[in-house]
Protein backbone atom coordinates (compact mmCIF):
# COMPACT_ATOMS: atom_id res chain seq x y z
CA MET A 1 7.01 -6.96 4.71
CA SER A 2 8.51 -4.49 7.10
CA GLU A 3 10.72 -5.09 10.09
CA ASP A 4 11.28 -2.49 12.80
CA PHE A 5 14.92 -2.23 13.85
CA GLY A 6 14.42 0.64 16.22
CA LYS A 7 13.54 4.25 15.79
CA ASP A 8 16.49 5.11 13.53
CA PHE A 9 16.33 2.18 11.12
CA GLU A 10 13.49 0.33 9.47
CA ALA A 11 14.11 -2.24 6.77
CA ASN A 12 11.50 -2.75 4.05
CA TYR A 13 11.43 -5.87 1.94
CA VAL A 14 9.57 -6.84 -1.19
CA THR A 15 9.33 -10.20 -2.91
CA ILE A 16 9.28 -10.11 -6.70
CA VAL A 17 8.75 -12.89 -9.23
CA ASP A 18 10.70 -12.85 -12.49
CA ASP A 19 9.42 -14.03 -15.89
CA ASP A 20 10.60 -17.58 -15.10
CA GLY A 21 8.57 -17.71 -11.87
CA THR A 22 11.61 -17.43 -9.59
CA GLU A 23 11.03 -15.42 -6.41
CA PHE A 24 13.56 -12.90 -5.12
CA GLU A 25 13.48 -11.00 -1.86
CA LEU A 26 14.79 -7.45 -2.13
CA GLU A 27 15.56 -4.85 0.50
CA TYR A 28 14.21 -1.42 -0.44
CA ILE A 29 16.89 1.31 -0.39
CA ASP A 30 15.40 4.46 -1.95
CA THR A 31 13.12 5.98 -4.60
CA MET A 32 14.05 8.61 -7.12
CA ASP A 33 12.04 10.55 -9.71
CA TYR A 34 14.18 11.11 -12.79
CA ASN A 35 13.39 12.05 -16.40
CA GLY A 36 9.65 11.67 -15.88
CA SER A 37 9.84 8.19 -14.33
CA THR A 38 10.02 6.82 -10.81
CA PHE A 39 12.79 4.37 -9.99
CA ASN A 40 13.29 2.21 -6.91
CA ALA A 41 16.66 0.93 -5.73
CA TYR A 42 16.98 -2.41 -3.94
CA LEU A 43 19.65 -4.78 -2.68
CA PRO A 44 19.23 -8.57 -2.81
CA ALA A 45 18.13 -9.70 0.66
CA ASP A 46 18.73 -13.38 0.00
CA MET A 47 22.23 -13.13 -1.46
CA ASP A 48 25.63 -12.98 0.24
CA GLU A 49 27.31 -9.59 -0.07
CA ASN A 50 30.47 -11.32 -1.31
CA ASP A 51 28.63 -12.91 -4.24
CA PRO A 52 29.92 -11.39 -7.52
CA ASP A 53 26.30 -10.82 -8.65
CA TYR A 54 25.44 -8.83 -5.49
CA GLY A 55 24.72 -5.18 -6.14
CA LEU A 56 22.15 -2.46 -6.54
CA ILE A 57 19.00 -3.47 -8.42
CA ILE A 58 17.07 -0.63 -10.03
CA LEU A 59 13.48 -1.11 -11.17
CA ARG A 60 11.10 1.35 -12.79
CA SER A 61 7.86 1.88 -10.85
CA ILE A 62 4.69 2.08 -12.92
CA ILE A 63 1.17 2.64 -11.61
CA ASP A 64 -1.36 0.64 -13.64
CA GLU A 65 -4.97 1.61 -14.38
CA ASN A 66 -6.11 -0.05 -11.11
CA GLY A 67 -3.68 2.05 -9.05
CA ASP A 68 -1.39 -0.92 -8.38
CA GLU A 69 2.37 -0.43 -8.46
CA LEU A 70 4.20 -2.58 -10.99
CA LEU A 71 7.98 -2.91 -11.16
CA GLU A 72 9.82 -3.42 -14.42
CA SER A 73 13.45 -3.82 -15.33
CA ILE A 74 15.30 -1.21 -17.37
CA ASP A 75 16.27 -2.85 -20.64
CA ASP A 76 18.24 0.03 -22.17
CA ASP A 77 21.86 -0.15 -20.92
CA ASP A 78 22.47 3.58 -21.41
CA GLU A 79 19.34 4.49 -19.43
CA LEU A 80 20.25 2.01 -16.69
CA THR A 81 23.75 3.48 -16.39
CA ASP A 82 22.36 7.02 -16.28
CA VAL A 83 19.78 6.14 -13.59
CA TYR A 84 22.40 4.18 -11.61
CA ASN A 85 24.77 7.17 -11.62
CA HIS A 86 22.01 9.50 -10.40
CA PHE A 87 21.11 7.05 -7.64
CA MET A 88 24.74 6.99 -6.52
CA VAL A 89 24.78 10.78 -6.28
CA LEU A 90 21.50 10.72 -4.33
CA LEU A 91 22.62 7.97 -1.96
CA TYR A 92 26.02 9.52 -1.29
CA GLU A 93 24.44 12.96 -0.70
CA ASP A 94 22.18 11.38 1.93
CA GLU A 95 25.19 9.64 3.49
CA ASP A 96 27.20 12.90 3.55
CA GLU A 97 24.28 14.74 5.19
CA GLU A 98 24.07 12.04 7.90
CA ASP A 99 27.81 12.35 8.55
CA VAL A 100 27.49 16.13 8.97
CA GLU A 101 24.58 15.71 11.41
CA GLU A 102 26.57 13.16 13.43
CA ASP A 103 29.52 15.58 13.67
CA LYS A 104 27.33 18.25 15.33
């Protein structure tokens, strides 16, 4: 699902189903290749930003033998922390670059 918010901003959403069959709608933020894997960052689209559980959701992207993209959680806490930290650097670099362009 994609919604056009004008030429400068387009929001992309994906609905995922967890192992219990519960559906979640996520807003796509960015993709990063790191340590031989591809990771996608999302924010919960159906959760209030003030909710204590609100925050960045990182899922590993895997392409199966049919060419379909599958998303899986990162079970290793150390790997998740490492990937999260690299996403923060990437996201803040993009934000800093936008600020510099706006100042011109």
